[in-house]
């Protein structure tokens, strides 16, 4: 059964989401956890304490946050499992709809990526 990673990107320092979104997400995630679709996930703190190691031309450098040049940052993640990619895509749209309904004034980018179980490309 294919596994997927979901990412939620938003602008940084936009404030705390409304309680209605937290409540709706509890229901949304609870339903998927009960079906065995939602395996794990959570929110992320801002980039103020982020650490990156960059490898460029064989050299390693460390860059600490915050990152003023970043427009959107990953604010949350999830690991999900579906029977098909189409089911995953449909469910990510439902996730985006929860955000549109309960926090419409914020731009949210919801990304779905299939998790690789080896060297083959998805669908091979």
C-alpha atoms as a PDB file:
ATOM      1  CA  UNK A   1       0.000   0.000   0.000  1.00  0.00           C
ATOM      2  CA  UNK A   2       1.602   3.303  -1.035  1.00  0.00           C
ATOM      3  CA  UNK A   3       2.585   5.770   1.664  1.00  0.00           C
ATOM      4  CA  UNK A   4       2.603   9.523   1.227  1.00  0.00           C
ATOM      5  CA  UNK A   5       4.012  12.502   3.052  1.00  0.00           C
ATOM      6  CA  UNK A   6       1.957  15.634   3.277  1.00  0.00           C
ATOM      7  CA  UNK A   7       3.443  19.062   3.867  1.00  0.00           C
ATOM      8  CA  UNK A   8       1.615  22.236   4.827  1.00  0.00           C
ATOM      9  CA  UNK A   9       3.381  25.452   3.902  1.00  0.00           C
ATOM     10  CA  UNK A  10       2.353  28.910   5.056  1.00  0.00           C
ATOM     11  CA  UNK A  11       3.922  32.263   5.614  1.00  0.00           C
ATOM     12  CA  UNK A  12       5.861  32.510   8.831  1.00  0.00           C
ATOM     13  CA  UNK A  13       4.713  34.702  11.741  1.00  0.00           C
ATOM     14  CA  UNK A  14       1.055  34.803  10.665  1.00  0.00           C
ATOM     15  CA  UNK A  15      -0.269  34.101  14.125  1.00  0.00           C
ATOM     16  CA  UNK A  16      -2.056  31.223  15.735  1.00  0.00           C
ATOM     17  CA  UNK A  17      -4.746  29.462  13.717  1.00  0.00           C
ATOM     18  CA  UNK A  18      -8.309  29.931  14.956  1.00  0.00           C
ATOM     19  CA  UNK A  19      -9.712  27.385  17.406  1.00  0.00           C
ATOM     20  CA  UNK A  20     -12.264  26.346  14.766  1.00  0.00           C
ATOM     21  CA  UNK A  21      -9.418  25.065  12.567  1.00  0.00           C
ATOM     22  CA  UNK A  22      -7.891  23.094  15.447  1.00  0.00           C
ATOM     23  CA  UNK A  23     -11.296  21.556  16.187  1.00  0.00           C
ATOM     24  CA  UNK A  24     -11.951  20.697  12.523  1.00  0.00           C
ATOM     25  CA  UNK A  25      -8.461  19.202  12.150  1.00  0.00           C
ATOM     26  CA  UNK A  26      -9.026  17.016  15.226  1.00  0.00           C
ATOM     27  CA  UNK A  27     -12.130  15.582  13.525  1.00  0.00           C
ATOM     28  CA  UNK A  28     -10.422  15.298  10.097  1.00  0.00           C
ATOM     29  CA  UNK A  29      -7.344  13.533  11.454  1.00  0.00           C
ATOM     30  CA  UNK A  30      -9.365  11.399  13.882  1.00  0.00           C
ATOM     31  CA  UNK A  31     -11.494  10.009  11.054  1.00  0.00           C
ATOM     32  CA  UNK A  32      -8.420   9.146   9.014  1.00  0.00           C
ATOM     33  CA  UNK A  33      -6.577   7.624  11.965  1.00  0.00           C
ATOM     34  CA  UNK A  34      -9.602   5.394  12.660  1.00  0.00           C
ATOM     35  CA  UNK A  35      -9.483   4.174   9.018  1.00  0.00           C
ATOM     36  CA  UNK A  36      -5.724   3.516   9.231  1.00  0.00           C
ATOM     37  CA  UNK A  37      -4.949   6.213   6.637  1.00  0.00           C
ATOM     38  CA  UNK A  38      -3.271   8.753   8.937  1.00  0.00           C
ATOM     39  CA  UNK A  39      -0.119   7.146  10.384  1.00  0.00           C
ATOM     40  CA  UNK A  40       1.637  10.122  12.015  1.00  0.00           C
ATOM     41  CA  UNK A  41       1.992  13.870  11.750  1.00  0.00           C
ATOM     42  CA  UNK A  42       2.281  17.157  13.545  1.00  0.00           C
ATOM     43  CA  UNK A  43       2.980  20.848  13.421  1.00  0.00           C
ATOM     44  CA  UNK A  44       6.377  22.494  13.332  1.00  0.00           C
ATOM     45  CA  UNK A  45       7.718  25.515  15.161  1.00  0.00           C
ATOM     46  CA  UNK A  46       9.025  28.463  13.168  1.00  0.00           C
ATOM     47  CA  UNK A  47      12.469  28.723  11.599  1.00  0.00           C
ATOM     48  CA  UNK A  48      13.916  30.821  14.432  1.00  0.00           C
ATOM     49  CA  UNK A  49      15.737  27.743  15.767  1.00  0.00           C
ATOM     50  CA  UNK A  50      16.137  25.807  12.499  1.00  0.00           C
ATOM     51  CA  UNK A  51      19.534  24.442  11.519  1.00  0.00           C
ATOM     52  CA  UNK A  52      20.580  23.530   7.975  1.00  0.00           C
ATOM     53  CA  UNK A  53      23.761  21.853   6.840  1.00  0.00           C
ATOM     54  CA  UNK A  54      24.468  22.700   3.234  1.00  0.00           C
ATOM     55  CA  UNK A  55      26.764  20.542   1.111  1.00  0.00           C
ATOM     56  CA  UNK A  56      28.052  22.454  -1.907  1.00  0.00           C
ATOM     57  CA  UNK A  57      31.023  21.417  -4.040  1.00  0.00           C
ATOM     58  CA  UNK A  58      32.138  18.943  -1.373  1.00  0.00           C
ATOM     59  CA  UNK A  59      32.159  21.567   1.400  1.00  0.00           C
ATOM     60  CA  UNK A  60      29.785  21.604   4.363  1.00  0.00           C
ATOM     61  CA  UNK A  61      28.472  24.784   5.941  1.00  0.00           C
ATOM     62  CA  UNK A  62      25.952  25.339   8.703  1.00  0.00           C
ATOM     63  CA  UNK A  63      23.212  27.950   8.337  1.00  0.00           C
ATOM     64  CA  UNK A  64      21.003  28.753  11.316  1.00  0.00           C
ATOM     65  CA  UNK A  65      17.497  30.264  11.107  1.00  0.00           C
ATOM     66  CA  UNK A  66      15.519  32.357  10.894  1.00  0.00           C
ATOM     67  CA  UNK A  67      15.534  32.696   7.144  1.00  0.00           C
ATOM     68  CA  UNK A  68      14.325  36.113   6.016  1.00  0.00           C
ATOM     69  CA  UNK A  69      14.322  35.075   2.352  1.00  0.00           C
ATOM     70  CA  UNK A  70      11.785  32.273   2.866  1.00  0.00           C
ATOM     71  CA  UNK A  71       8.279  33.298   1.819  1.00  0.00           C
ATOM     72  CA  UNK A  72       6.566  30.102   2.938  1.00  0.00           C
ATOM     73  CA  UNK A  73       7.859  27.574   5.420  1.00  0.00           C
ATOM     74  CA  UNK A  74       6.762  24.033   6.218  1.00  0.00           C
ATOM     75  CA  UNK A  75       4.445  24.393   9.205  1.00  0.00           C
ATOM     76  CA  UNK A  76       3.188  20.802   9.425  1.00  0.00           C
ATOM     77  CA  UNK A  77       3.675  17.289   8.094  1.00  0.00           C
ATOM     78  CA  UNK A  78       1.914  13.952   7.967  1.00  0.00           C
ATOM     79  CA  UNK A  79       2.527  10.366   6.916  1.00  0.00           C
ATOM     80  CA  UNK A  80      -0.491   8.715   5.316  1.00  0.00           C
ATOM     81  CA  UNK A  81      -1.240   5.409   3.622  1.00  0.00           C
ATOM     82  CA  UNK A  82      -3.831   4.859   0.896  1.00  0.00           C
ATOM     83  CA  UNK A  83      -4.804   2.050  -1.454  1.00  0.00           C
ATOM     84  CA  UNK A  84      -4.247   4.310  -4.478  1.00  0.00           C
ATOM     85  CA  UNK A  85      -2.657   7.614  -5.396  1.00  0.00           C
ATOM     86  CA  UNK A  86      -6.071   8.886  -6.500  1.00  0.00           C
ATOM     87  CA  UNK A  87      -7.444   8.345  -2.971  1.00  0.00           C
ATOM     88  CA  UNK A  88      -4.473  10.267  -1.566  1.00  0.00           C
ATOM     89  CA  UNK A  89      -5.007  13.183  -3.948  1.00  0.00           C
ATOM     90  CA  UNK A  90      -8.722  13.345  -3.130  1.00  0.00           C
ATOM     91  CA  UNK A  91      -7.999  13.319   0.596  1.00  0.00           C
ATOM     92  CA  UNK A  92      -5.391  16.076   0.373  1.00  0.00           C
ATOM     93  CA  UNK A  93      -8.009  18.209  -1.349  1.00  0.00           C
ATOM     94  CA  UNK A  94     -10.342  17.544   1.603  1.00  0.00           C
ATOM     95  CA  UNK A  95      -7.531  18.631   3.941  1.00  0.00           C
ATOM     96  CA  UNK A  96      -7.104  21.866   1.966  1.00  0.00           C
ATOM     97  CA  UNK A  97     -10.869  22.446   2.114  1.00  0.00           C
ATOM     98  CA  UNK A  98     -10.763  22.279   5.932  1.00  0.00           C
ATOM     99  CA  UNK A  99      -8.197  25.089   5.916  1.00  0.00           C
ATOM    100  CA  UNK A 100     -10.135  27.132   3.336  1.00  0.00           C
ATOM    101  CA  UNK A 101     -13.273  26.935   5.453  1.00  0.00           C
ATOM    102  CA  UNK A 102     -11.763  27.583   8.881  1.00  0.00           C
ATOM    103  CA  UNK A 103      -8.840  29.961   8.118  1.00  0.00           C
ATOM    104  CA  UNK A 104      -9.692  31.564   4.757  1.00  0.00           C
ATOM    105  CA  UNK A 105      -7.579  34.687   5.255  1.00  0.00           C
ATOM    106  CA  UNK A 106      -4.335  32.666   5.145  1.00  0.00           C
ATOM    107  CA  UNK A 107      -2.621  31.216   2.068  1.00  0.00           C
ATOM    108  CA  UNK A 108      -1.964  27.524   2.625  1.00  0.00           C
ATOM    109  CA  UNK A 109      -0.016  25.273   0.258  1.00  0.00           C
ATOM    110  CA  UNK A 110      -0.765  21.611   0.842  1.00  0.00           C
ATOM    111  CA  UNK A 111       1.723  19.305  -0.877  1.00  0.00           C
ATOM    112  CA  UNK A 112       1.503  15.537  -1.303  1.00  0.00           C
ATOM    113  CA  UNK A 113       4.587  13.438  -2.079  1.00  0.00           C
ATOM    114  CA  UNK A 114       4.743   9.676  -2.438  1.00  0.00           C
ATOM    115  CA  UNK A 115       7.295   8.000  -0.178  1.00  0.00           C
ATOM    116  CA  UNK A 116       9.870   5.914  -1.990  1.00  0.00           C
ATOM    117  CA  UNK A 117      10.320   2.346  -0.816  1.00  0.00           C
ATOM    118  CA  UNK A 118      13.415   1.854  -2.936  1.00  0.00           C
ATOM    119  CA  UNK A 119      15.231   2.996  -6.054  1.00  0.00           C
ATOM    120  CA  UNK A 120      12.198   2.660  -8.351  1.00  0.00           C
ATOM    121  CA  UNK A 121      10.128   5.654  -9.385  1.00  0.00           C
ATOM    122  CA  UNK A 122       6.451   5.801  -8.349  1.00  0.00           C
ATOM    123  CA  UNK A 123       4.314   3.468 -10.409  1.00  0.00           C
ATOM    124  CA  UNK A 124       7.182   1.171 -11.412  1.00  0.00           C
END
